[in-house]
């Protein structure tokens, strides 16, 4: 994955954090209403993504953003309870318990993913089942990121900025491990991918939260506006870059364990056969 990918991921999920706080807390919509509305938004854009025959940056990063804004609302509802308070309420289970539950759910998703025989390599996911598992893992991981980021910031006494620096340090260690160790690259990718969410939660809160809560007091509205502009610019740049240098075609998908062919979800994949660069339509490939 390129530096642009990670920049887009961090900006998109930080926007989800500040955007959810703007609607749920500042505008007093509450976590229940926001959670339901944003989850429906996620279902709509994820459906568009699943139907897309190629990679479209605007669609893909809208889905990433939707998982973050919905995940933030659901995490805050779980941890803080019904309402719109920015602190733990009597109805919430707390950040630590929320993080444990969501971590367990994420582990279950990865175990199911493993048993289905779909690849964990996100650059080679080319089946409908693989994409659904991918987006389920992202939704839960982005929900977990809010709970774990809040737990680090509030329960450990680190505060927003120190929590940000701690997570950033861990991610630098993972980056170094990618280059100097033999640790599986997909393990390192998913660890880093999951950590970008609490990183962005800590970063977003450190900028937008009131000074009395350890933030800079810039507010969620203008923070979200700035992030929308930055995300739009990055997506436009990636779209332009892909038009200049089209992405490589995906290899024809097959079951990770049995090697049996699977039906692609995309429009074009590399075909099996004597011509390695042959292109075939998804509808002509093997059954699921």
C-alpha atoms as a PDB file:
ATOM      1  CA  UNK A   1       0.000   0.000   0.000  1.00  0.00           C
ATOM      2  CA  UNK A   2       1.218   3.484  -0.871  1.00  0.00           C
ATOM      3  CA  UNK A   3       1.597   6.516   1.359  1.00  0.00           C
ATOM      4  CA  UNK A   4      -1.416   8.012  -0.452  1.00  0.00           C
ATOM      5  CA  UNK A   5      -3.584   5.078   0.642  1.00  0.00           C
ATOM      6  CA  UNK A   6      -2.650   5.554   4.302  1.00  0.00           C
ATOM      7  CA  UNK A   7      -3.141   9.315   4.089  1.00  0.00           C
ATOM      8  CA  UNK A   8      -6.611   8.796   2.615  1.00  0.00           C
ATOM      9  CA  UNK A   9      -7.478   6.216   5.274  1.00  0.00           C
ATOM     10  CA  UNK A  10      -6.435   8.464   8.156  1.00  0.00           C
ATOM     11  CA  UNK A  11      -8.235  11.521   6.763  1.00  0.00           C
ATOM     12  CA  UNK A  12     -11.431   9.562   5.970  1.00  0.00           C
ATOM     13  CA  UNK A  13     -11.725   7.969   9.403  1.00  0.00           C
ATOM     14  CA  UNK A  14     -10.777  11.181  11.220  1.00  0.00           C
ATOM     15  CA  UNK A  15     -13.603  12.883   9.325  1.00  0.00           C
ATOM     16  CA  UNK A  16     -15.902  10.097  10.484  1.00  0.00           C
ATOM     17  CA  UNK A  17     -14.916  10.835  14.090  1.00  0.00           C
ATOM     18  CA  UNK A  18     -15.431  14.604  13.888  1.00  0.00           C
ATOM     19  CA  UNK A  19     -18.543  14.295  11.724  1.00  0.00           C
ATOM     20  CA  UNK A  20     -20.249  11.914  14.122  1.00  0.00           C
ATOM     21  CA  UNK A  21     -19.413  14.157  17.077  1.00  0.00           C
ATOM     22  CA  UNK A  22     -20.810  17.154  15.214  1.00  0.00           C
ATOM     23  CA  UNK A  23     -24.177  15.490  14.587  1.00  0.00           C
ATOM     24  CA  UNK A  24     -24.536  13.429  17.762  1.00  0.00           C
ATOM     25  CA  UNK A  25     -23.070  15.821  20.349  1.00  0.00           C
ATOM     26  CA  UNK A  26     -22.961  19.371  19.017  1.00  0.00           C
ATOM     27  CA  UNK A  27     -26.273  19.240  17.104  1.00  0.00           C
ATOM     28  CA  UNK A  28     -27.854  17.029  19.825  1.00  0.00           C
ATOM     29  CA  UNK A  29     -29.168  14.377  17.435  1.00  0.00           C
ATOM     30  CA  UNK A  30     -28.018  11.726  19.889  1.00  0.00           C
ATOM     31  CA  UNK A  31     -26.157   8.485  19.361  1.00  0.00           C
ATOM     32  CA  UNK A  32     -29.220   6.340  18.587  1.00  0.00           C
ATOM     33  CA  UNK A  33     -30.510   8.491  15.720  1.00  0.00           C
ATOM     34  CA  UNK A  34     -27.019   9.054  14.336  1.00  0.00           C
ATOM     35  CA  UNK A  35     -26.113   5.393  14.605  1.00  0.00           C
ATOM     36  CA  UNK A  36     -29.198   4.294  12.690  1.00  0.00           C
ATOM     37  CA  UNK A  37     -28.930   6.990  10.004  1.00  0.00           C
ATOM     38  CA  UNK A  38     -25.213   6.509   9.432  1.00  0.00           C
ATOM     39  CA  UNK A  39     -25.542   2.720   9.318  1.00  0.00           C
ATOM     40  CA  UNK A  40     -28.217   3.038   6.631  1.00  0.00           C
ATOM     41  CA  UNK A  41     -25.876   5.386   4.777  1.00  0.00           C
ATOM     42  CA  UNK A  42     -23.158   2.734   5.048  1.00  0.00           C
ATOM     43  CA  UNK A  43     -25.479   0.041   3.625  1.00  0.00           C
ATOM     44  CA  UNK A  44     -26.346   2.232   0.633  1.00  0.00           C
ATOM     45  CA  UNK A  45     -22.782   3.187  -0.311  1.00  0.00           C
ATOM     46  CA  UNK A  46     -21.474  -0.324   0.416  1.00  0.00           C
ATOM     47  CA  UNK A  47     -24.133  -1.671  -1.950  1.00  0.00           C
ATOM     48  CA  UNK A  48     -22.903   0.709  -4.639  1.00  0.00           C
ATOM     49  CA  UNK A  49     -19.329  -0.431  -3.987  1.00  0.00           C
ATOM     50  CA  UNK A  50     -20.260  -4.116  -4.284  1.00  0.00           C
ATOM     51  CA  UNK A  51     -21.941  -3.456  -7.620  1.00  0.00           C
ATOM     52  CA  UNK A  52     -19.033  -1.446  -9.001  1.00  0.00           C
ATOM     53  CA  UNK A  53     -17.101  -3.359 -11.648  1.00  0.00           C
ATOM     54  CA  UNK A  54     -13.896  -1.427 -11.141  1.00  0.00           C
ATOM     55  CA  UNK A  55     -12.123   0.542  -8.443  1.00  0.00           C
ATOM     56  CA  UNK A  56     -13.574   4.042  -8.161  1.00  0.00           C
ATOM     57  CA  UNK A  57     -11.757   6.103  -5.487  1.00  0.00           C
ATOM     58  CA  UNK A  58     -14.761   8.330  -4.739  1.00  0.00           C
ATOM     59  CA  UNK A  59     -16.982   5.311  -4.014  1.00  0.00           C
ATOM     60  CA  UNK A  60     -14.368   3.351  -2.095  1.00  0.00           C
ATOM     61  CA  UNK A  61     -13.401   6.195   0.240  1.00  0.00           C
ATOM     62  CA  UNK A  62     -17.025   7.155   0.787  1.00  0.00           C
ATOM     63  CA  UNK A  63     -17.599   3.636   2.109  1.00  0.00           C
ATOM     64  CA  UNK A  64     -14.514   3.926   4.343  1.00  0.00           C
ATOM     65  CA  UNK A  65     -15.845   7.239   5.670  1.00  0.00           C
ATOM     66  CA  UNK A  66     -19.298   5.721   6.217  1.00  0.00           C
ATOM     67  CA  UNK A  67     -17.850   2.880   8.318  1.00  0.00           C
ATOM     68  CA  UNK A  68     -16.065   5.435  10.458  1.00  0.00           C
ATOM     69  CA  UNK A  69     -18.979   7.793  11.047  1.00  0.00           C
ATOM     70  CA  UNK A  70     -21.378   4.905  11.729  1.00  0.00           C
ATOM     71  CA  UNK A  71     -18.792   3.127  13.879  1.00  0.00           C
ATOM     72  CA  UNK A  72     -18.156   6.242  15.944  1.00  0.00           C
ATOM     73  CA  UNK A  73     -21.859   6.670  16.676  1.00  0.00           C
ATOM     74  CA  UNK A  74     -22.345   2.995  17.586  1.00  0.00           C
ATOM     75  CA  UNK A  75     -19.223   2.919  19.744  1.00  0.00           C
ATOM     76  CA  UNK A  76     -20.256   6.049  21.637  1.00  0.00           C
ATOM     77  CA  UNK A  77     -23.760   4.638  22.099  1.00  0.00           C
ATOM     78  CA  UNK A  78     -22.302   1.430  23.509  1.00  0.00           C
ATOM     79  CA  UNK A  79     -19.720   3.109  25.718  1.00  0.00           C
ATOM     80  CA  UNK A  80     -21.539   6.262  26.836  1.00  0.00           C
ATOM     81  CA  UNK A  81     -25.170   5.230  26.613  1.00  0.00           C
ATOM     82  CA  UNK A  82     -28.257   6.881  25.146  1.00  0.00           C
ATOM     83  CA  UNK A  83     -27.990  10.625  24.752  1.00  0.00           C
ATOM     84  CA  UNK A  84     -25.456  13.067  23.364  1.00  0.00           C
ATOM     85  CA  UNK A  85     -22.971  13.471  26.187  1.00  0.00           C
ATOM     86  CA  UNK A  86     -19.265  13.519  25.338  1.00  0.00           C
ATOM     87  CA  UNK A  87     -18.474  11.602  28.524  1.00  0.00           C
ATOM     88  CA  UNK A  88     -19.470   8.181  29.872  1.00  0.00           C
ATOM     89  CA  UNK A  89     -23.065   8.102  31.150  1.00  0.00           C
ATOM     90  CA  UNK A  90     -24.814   5.725  33.507  1.00  0.00           C
ATOM     91  CA  UNK A  91     -26.322   3.882  30.552  1.00  0.00           C
ATOM     92  CA  UNK A  92     -22.988   3.088  28.910  1.00  0.00           C
ATOM     93  CA  UNK A  93     -20.785   0.050  29.495  1.00  0.00           C
ATOM     94  CA  UNK A  94     -17.571   2.072  29.390  1.00  0.00           C
ATOM     95  CA  UNK A  95     -14.696   2.289  26.933  1.00  0.00           C
ATOM     96  CA  UNK A  96     -12.795  -0.744  28.204  1.00  0.00           C
ATOM     97  CA  UNK A  97     -15.748  -3.126  28.071  1.00  0.00           C
ATOM     98  CA  UNK A  98     -16.755  -1.765  24.674  1.00  0.00           C
ATOM     99  CA  UNK A  99     -13.249  -2.336  23.311  1.00  0.00           C
ATOM    100  CA  UNK A 100     -13.194  -5.928  24.600  1.00  0.00           C
ATOM    101  CA  UNK A 101     -16.570  -6.753  23.036  1.00  0.00           C
ATOM    102  CA  UNK A 102     -15.660  -5.199  19.694  1.00  0.00           C
ATOM    103  CA  UNK A 103     -12.242  -6.883  19.644  1.00  0.00           C
ATOM    104  CA  UNK A 104     -13.948 -10.232  20.205  1.00  0.00           C
ATOM    105  CA  UNK A 105     -16.393  -9.527  17.381  1.00  0.00           C
ATOM    106  CA  UNK A 106     -13.530  -8.595  15.049  1.00  0.00           C
ATOM    107  CA  UNK A 107     -11.716 -11.833  15.886  1.00  0.00           C
ATOM    108  CA  UNK A 108     -14.884 -13.790  15.044  1.00  0.00           C
ATOM    109  CA  UNK A 109     -15.114 -12.048  11.656  1.00  0.00           C
ATOM    110  CA  UNK A 110     -11.503 -12.921  10.837  1.00  0.00           C
ATOM    111  CA  UNK A 111     -12.081 -16.546  11.880  1.00  0.00           C
ATOM    112  CA  UNK A 112     -15.152 -16.764   9.636  1.00  0.00           C
ATOM    113  CA  UNK A 113     -13.135 -15.110   6.891  1.00  0.00           C
ATOM    114  CA  UNK A 114     -10.427 -17.766   7.282  1.00  0.00           C
ATOM    115  CA  UNK A 115     -12.872 -20.664   7.117  1.00  0.00           C
ATOM    116  CA  UNK A 116     -14.491 -19.356   3.923  1.00  0.00           C
ATOM    117  CA  UNK A 117     -11.184 -19.691   2.089  1.00  0.00           C
ATOM    118  CA  UNK A 118     -11.200 -16.063   0.923  1.00  0.00           C
ATOM    119  CA  UNK A 119      -7.880 -14.262   0.718  1.00  0.00           C
ATOM    120  CA  UNK A 120      -6.817 -11.805   3.420  1.00  0.00           C
ATOM    121  CA  UNK A 121      -4.764  -9.928   0.834  1.00  0.00           C
ATOM    122  CA  UNK A 122      -6.873  -6.807   0.330  1.00  0.00           C
ATOM    123  CA  UNK A 123      -5.192  -6.057  -2.998  1.00  0.00           C
ATOM    124  CA  UNK A 124      -6.420  -9.385  -4.408  1.00  0.00           C
ATOM    125  CA  UNK A 125      -9.995  -9.561  -3.102  1.00  0.00           C
ATOM    126  CA  UNK A 126     -12.103 -10.185  -6.216  1.00  0.00           C
ATOM    127  CA  UNK A 127     -15.222 -12.046  -5.028  1.00  0.00           C
ATOM    128  CA  UNK A 128     -18.526 -10.837  -3.591  1.00  0.00           C
ATOM    129  CA  UNK A 129     -18.085 -12.925  -0.431  1.00  0.00           C
ATOM    130  CA  UNK A 130     -14.561 -11.608   0.081  1.00  0.00           C
ATOM    131  CA  UNK A 131     -15.722  -7.988  -0.290  1.00  0.00           C
ATOM    132  CA  UNK A 132     -18.570  -8.459   2.200  1.00  0.00           C
ATOM    133  CA  UNK A 133     -16.182  -9.898   4.780  1.00  0.00           C
ATOM    134  CA  UNK A 134     -13.736  -7.082   4.065  1.00  0.00           C
ATOM    135  CA  UNK A 135     -16.306  -4.364   4.692  1.00  0.00           C
ATOM    136  CA  UNK A 136     -17.660  -6.133   7.779  1.00  0.00           C
ATOM    137  CA  UNK A 137     -14.133  -6.215   9.218  1.00  0.00           C
ATOM    138  CA  UNK A 138     -13.606  -2.539   8.417  1.00  0.00           C
ATOM    139  CA  UNK A 139     -16.932  -1.507   9.983  1.00  0.00           C
ATOM    140  CA  UNK A 140     -16.155  -3.353  13.214  1.00  0.00           C
ATOM    141  CA  UNK A 141     -12.511  -2.236  13.291  1.00  0.00           C
ATOM    142  CA  UNK A 142     -13.538   1.399  12.862  1.00  0.00           C
ATOM    143  CA  UNK A 143     -16.090   0.988  15.644  1.00  0.00           C
ATOM    144  CA  UNK A 144     -13.428  -0.619  17.816  1.00  0.00           C
ATOM    145  CA  UNK A 145     -11.038   2.235  17.021  1.00  0.00           C
ATOM    146  CA  UNK A 146     -13.322   4.774  18.651  1.00  0.00           C
ATOM    147  CA  UNK A 147     -13.678   2.721  21.833  1.00  0.00           C
ATOM    148  CA  UNK A 148      -9.979   1.880  22.085  1.00  0.00           C
ATOM    149  CA  UNK A 149      -8.922   5.444  21.269  1.00  0.00           C
ATOM    150  CA  UNK A 150     -11.263   6.851  23.930  1.00  0.00           C
ATOM    151  CA  UNK A 151     -10.051   4.221  26.409  1.00  0.00           C
ATOM    152  CA  UNK A 152      -6.427   5.232  25.852  1.00  0.00           C
ATOM    153  CA  UNK A 153      -7.245   8.925  26.071  1.00  0.00           C
ATOM    154  CA  UNK A 154      -9.558   8.825  29.093  1.00  0.00           C
ATOM    155  CA  UNK A 155      -8.964   5.697  31.160  1.00  0.00           C
ATOM    156  CA  UNK A 156      -5.179   5.565  31.065  1.00  0.00           C
ATOM    157  CA  UNK A 157      -4.659   9.239  31.748  1.00  0.00           C
ATOM    158  CA  UNK A 158      -2.650   9.731  28.556  1.00  0.00           C
ATOM    159  CA  UNK A 159      -4.934  12.369  27.113  1.00  0.00           C
ATOM    160  CA  UNK A 160      -5.694  12.813  23.410  1.00  0.00           C
ATOM    161  CA  UNK A 161      -2.279  14.001  22.223  1.00  0.00           C
ATOM    162  CA  UNK A 162      -0.229  11.451  24.153  1.00  0.00           C
ATOM    163  CA  UNK A 163      -2.539   8.669  22.973  1.00  0.00           C
ATOM    164  CA  UNK A 164      -1.966   9.870  19.416  1.00  0.00           C
ATOM    165  CA  UNK A 165       1.821   9.807  19.828  1.00  0.00           C
ATOM    166  CA  UNK A 166       1.721   6.348  21.419  1.00  0.00           C
ATOM    167  CA  UNK A 167      -0.306   4.834  18.557  1.00  0.00           C
ATOM    168  CA  UNK A 168       1.826   6.638  15.978  1.00  0.00           C
ATOM    169  CA  UNK A 169       4.905   5.113  17.606  1.00  0.00           C
ATOM    170  CA  UNK A 170       3.419   1.627  17.410  1.00  0.00           C
ATOM    171  CA  UNK A 171       2.625   2.146  13.742  1.00  0.00           C
ATOM    172  CA  UNK A 172       6.230   3.175  13.069  1.00  0.00           C
ATOM    173  CA  UNK A 173       7.340  -0.069  14.723  1.00  0.00           C
ATOM    174  CA  UNK A 174       4.998  -2.000  12.406  1.00  0.00           C
ATOM    175  CA  UNK A 175       6.417  -0.129   9.423  1.00  0.00           C
ATOM    176  CA  UNK A 176       9.940  -1.054  10.469  1.00  0.00           C
ATOM    177  CA  UNK A 177       8.862  -4.683  10.979  1.00  0.00           C
ATOM    178  CA  UNK A 178       7.586  -4.753   7.402  1.00  0.00           C
ATOM    179  CA  UNK A 179      11.060  -3.970   6.074  1.00  0.00           C
ATOM    180  CA  UNK A 180      13.378  -5.749   8.518  1.00  0.00           C
ATOM    181  CA  UNK A 181      11.455  -8.868   9.630  1.00  0.00           C
ATOM    182  CA  UNK A 182       9.753 -11.850   8.026  1.00  0.00           C
ATOM    183  CA  UNK A 183       6.423 -11.255   9.767  1.00  0.00           C
ATOM    184  CA  UNK A 184       3.507 -11.937   7.404  1.00  0.00           C
ATOM    185  CA  UNK A 185       2.759  -8.734   5.501  1.00  0.00           C
ATOM    186  CA  UNK A 186      -1.013  -9.185   5.811  1.00  0.00           C
ATOM    187  CA  UNK A 187      -0.748  -9.472   9.599  1.00  0.00           C
ATOM    188  CA  UNK A 188       1.221  -6.222   9.697  1.00  0.00           C
ATOM    189  CA  UNK A 189      -1.215  -4.578   7.272  1.00  0.00           C
ATOM    190  CA  UNK A 190      -4.306  -5.398   9.313  1.00  0.00           C
ATOM    191  CA  UNK A 191      -2.662  -4.355  12.571  1.00  0.00           C
ATOM    192  CA  UNK A 192      -1.725  -1.015  11.036  1.00  0.00           C
ATOM    193  CA  UNK A 193      -5.110  -0.697   9.350  1.00  0.00           C
ATOM    194  CA  UNK A 194      -6.938  -1.226  12.643  1.00  0.00           C
ATOM    195  CA  UNK A 195      -4.626   1.169  14.500  1.00  0.00           C
ATOM    196  CA  UNK A 196      -5.312   4.024  12.092  1.00  0.00           C
ATOM    197  CA  UNK A 197      -8.779   4.295  13.642  1.00  0.00           C
ATOM    198  CA  UNK A 198      -7.775   4.950  17.286  1.00  0.00           C
ATOM    199  CA  UNK A 199      -4.978   7.125  15.876  1.00  0.00           C
ATOM    200  CA  UNK A 200      -7.521   9.254  14.041  1.00  0.00           C
ATOM    201  CA  UNK A 201      -9.880   9.253  17.035  1.00  0.00           C
ATOM    202  CA  UNK A 202      -7.137  10.641  19.253  1.00  0.00           C
ATOM    203  CA  UNK A 203      -6.065  13.116  16.575  1.00  0.00           C
ATOM    204  CA  UNK A 204      -9.596  14.316  15.896  1.00  0.00           C
ATOM    205  CA  UNK A 205     -10.410  14.713  19.581  1.00  0.00           C
ATOM    206  CA  UNK A 206      -7.132  16.511  20.309  1.00  0.00           C
ATOM    207  CA  UNK A 207      -8.066  19.113  17.708  1.00  0.00           C
ATOM    208  CA  UNK A 208     -11.812  19.512  18.250  1.00  0.00           C
ATOM    209  CA  UNK A 209     -12.498  18.824  21.930  1.00  0.00           C
ATOM    210  CA  UNK A 210     -12.714  21.740  24.399  1.00  0.00           C
ATOM    211  CA  UNK A 211      -9.576  22.796  26.235  1.00  0.00           C
ATOM    212  CA  UNK A 212     -11.226  21.650  29.479  1.00  0.00           C
ATOM    213  CA  UNK A 213     -11.279  18.096  28.074  1.00  0.00           C
ATOM    214  CA  UNK A 214      -7.686  18.177  26.845  1.00  0.00           C
ATOM    215  CA  UNK A 215      -8.286  19.318  23.267  1.00  0.00           C
ATOM    216  CA  UNK A 216      -7.416  22.454  21.329  1.00  0.00           C
ATOM    217  CA  UNK A 217     -11.011  23.654  21.223  1.00  0.00           C
ATOM    218  CA  UNK A 218     -11.278  24.189  17.459  1.00  0.00           C
ATOM    219  CA  UNK A 219     -14.697  22.504  17.276  1.00  0.00           C
ATOM    220  CA  UNK A 220     -16.067  19.660  15.200  1.00  0.00           C
ATOM    221  CA  UNK A 221     -17.745  21.800  12.545  1.00  0.00           C
ATOM    222  CA  UNK A 222     -14.700  23.568  11.143  1.00  0.00           C
ATOM    223  CA  UNK A 223     -12.533  20.535  11.756  1.00  0.00           C
ATOM    224  CA  UNK A 224     -14.934  18.467   9.634  1.00  0.00           C
ATOM    225  CA  UNK A 225     -15.077  21.138   6.908  1.00  0.00           C
ATOM    226  CA  UNK A 226     -11.291  21.162   6.646  1.00  0.00           C
ATOM    227  CA  UNK A 227     -11.166  17.355   6.520  1.00  0.00           C
ATOM    228  CA  UNK A 228     -13.840  17.215   3.784  1.00  0.00           C
ATOM    229  CA  UNK A 229     -11.747  19.557   1.661  1.00  0.00           C
ATOM    230  CA  UNK A 230      -8.578  17.552   2.259  1.00  0.00           C
ATOM    231  CA  UNK A 231     -10.301  14.231   1.536  1.00  0.00           C
ATOM    232  CA  UNK A 232     -11.845  15.561  -1.673  1.00  0.00           C
ATOM    233  CA  UNK A 233      -8.438  16.800  -2.845  1.00  0.00           C
ATOM    234  CA  UNK A 234      -6.760  13.465  -2.110  1.00  0.00           C
ATOM    235  CA  UNK A 235      -9.526  11.478  -3.829  1.00  0.00           C
ATOM    236  CA  UNK A 236      -9.314  13.758  -6.880  1.00  0.00           C
ATOM    237  CA  UNK A 237      -5.565  13.251  -7.012  1.00  0.00           C
ATOM    238  CA  UNK A 238      -5.887   9.454  -6.763  1.00  0.00           C
ATOM    239  CA  UNK A 239      -8.537   9.436  -9.496  1.00  0.00           C
ATOM    240  CA  UNK A 240      -6.273  11.494 -11.759  1.00  0.00           C
ATOM    241  CA  UNK A 241      -3.309   9.248 -10.995  1.00  0.00           C
ATOM    242  CA  UNK A 242      -5.254   6.067 -11.834  1.00  0.00           C
ATOM    243  CA  UNK A 243      -6.385   7.535 -15.139  1.00  0.00           C
ATOM    244  CA  UNK A 244      -2.761   8.204 -16.034  1.00  0.00           C
ATOM    245  CA  UNK A 245      -1.553   4.831 -14.779  1.00  0.00           C
ATOM    246  CA  UNK A 246      -4.396   2.269 -14.693  1.00  0.00           C
ATOM    247  CA  UNK A 247      -4.273  -0.325 -11.941  1.00  0.00           C
ATOM    248  CA  UNK A 248      -3.124  -3.848 -12.697  1.00  0.00           C
ATOM    249  CA  UNK A 249      -5.841  -6.427 -13.285  1.00  0.00           C
ATOM    250  CA  UNK A 250      -6.634  -8.772 -10.420  1.00  0.00           C
ATOM    251  CA  UNK A 251      -5.675 -12.448 -10.682  1.00  0.00           C
ATOM    252  CA  UNK A 252      -8.619 -14.781 -11.186  1.00  0.00           C
ATOM    253  CA  UNK A 253      -9.816 -15.589  -7.642  1.00  0.00           C
ATOM    254  CA  UNK A 254      -9.582 -19.066  -6.219  1.00  0.00           C
ATOM    255  CA  UNK A 255     -10.267 -20.722  -2.877  1.00  0.00           C
ATOM    256  CA  UNK A 256      -7.254 -20.173  -0.624  1.00  0.00           C
ATOM    257  CA  UNK A 257      -7.271 -23.757   0.693  1.00  0.00           C
ATOM    258  CA  UNK A 258      -8.670 -25.933  -2.129  1.00  0.00           C
ATOM    259  CA  UNK A 259      -7.482 -23.864  -5.094  1.00  0.00           C
ATOM    260  CA  UNK A 260     -10.916 -24.137  -6.702  1.00  0.00           C
ATOM    261  CA  UNK A 261     -11.913 -21.203  -8.966  1.00  0.00           C
ATOM    262  CA  UNK A 262     -14.373 -18.637  -7.626  1.00  0.00           C
ATOM    263  CA  UNK A 263     -16.595 -16.206  -9.469  1.00  0.00           C
ATOM    264  CA  UNK A 264     -15.088 -12.701  -9.672  1.00  0.00           C
ATOM    265  CA  UNK A 265     -17.082  -9.734  -8.445  1.00  0.00           C
ATOM    266  CA  UNK A 266     -15.260  -7.251 -10.642  1.00  0.00           C
ATOM    267  CA  UNK A 267     -15.564  -6.599 -14.356  1.00  0.00           C
ATOM    268  CA  UNK A 268     -12.123  -7.718 -15.468  1.00  0.00           C
ATOM    269  CA  UNK A 269      -9.628 -10.223 -14.089  1.00  0.00           C
ATOM    270  CA  UNK A 270      -6.663 -12.122 -15.447  1.00  0.00           C
ATOM    271  CA  UNK A 271      -7.831 -15.358 -17.005  1.00  0.00           C
ATOM    272  CA  UNK A 272      -6.383 -18.799 -16.333  1.00  0.00           C
ATOM    273  CA  UNK A 273      -4.930 -20.447 -19.363  1.00  0.00           C
ATOM    274  CA  UNK A 274      -1.990 -20.332 -21.739  1.00  0.00           C
ATOM    275  CA  UNK A 275      -2.170 -16.547 -22.136  1.00  0.00           C
ATOM    276  CA  UNK A 276      -1.373 -14.982 -18.722  1.00  0.00           C
ATOM    277  CA  UNK A 277      -2.516 -11.527 -19.845  1.00  0.00           C
ATOM    278  CA  UNK A 278      -5.841 -12.694 -21.281  1.00  0.00           C
ATOM    279  CA  UNK A 279      -8.846 -10.670 -20.065  1.00  0.00           C
ATOM    280  CA  UNK A 280     -12.263 -12.162 -19.362  1.00  0.00           C
ATOM    281  CA  UNK A 281     -15.579 -10.834 -18.134  1.00  0.00           C
ATOM    282  CA  UNK A 282     -16.682 -11.790 -14.618  1.00  0.00           C
ATOM    283  CA  UNK A 283     -19.908 -13.354 -15.919  1.00  0.00           C
ATOM    284  CA  UNK A 284     -17.951 -15.968 -17.853  1.00  0.00           C
ATOM    285  CA  UNK A 285     -15.953 -17.235 -14.906  1.00  0.00           C
ATOM    286  CA  UNK A 286     -16.566 -20.170 -12.592  1.00  0.00           C
ATOM    287  CA  UNK A 287     -19.465 -20.481 -10.224  1.00  0.00           C
ATOM    288  CA  UNK A 288     -19.229 -19.280  -6.657  1.00  0.00           C
END
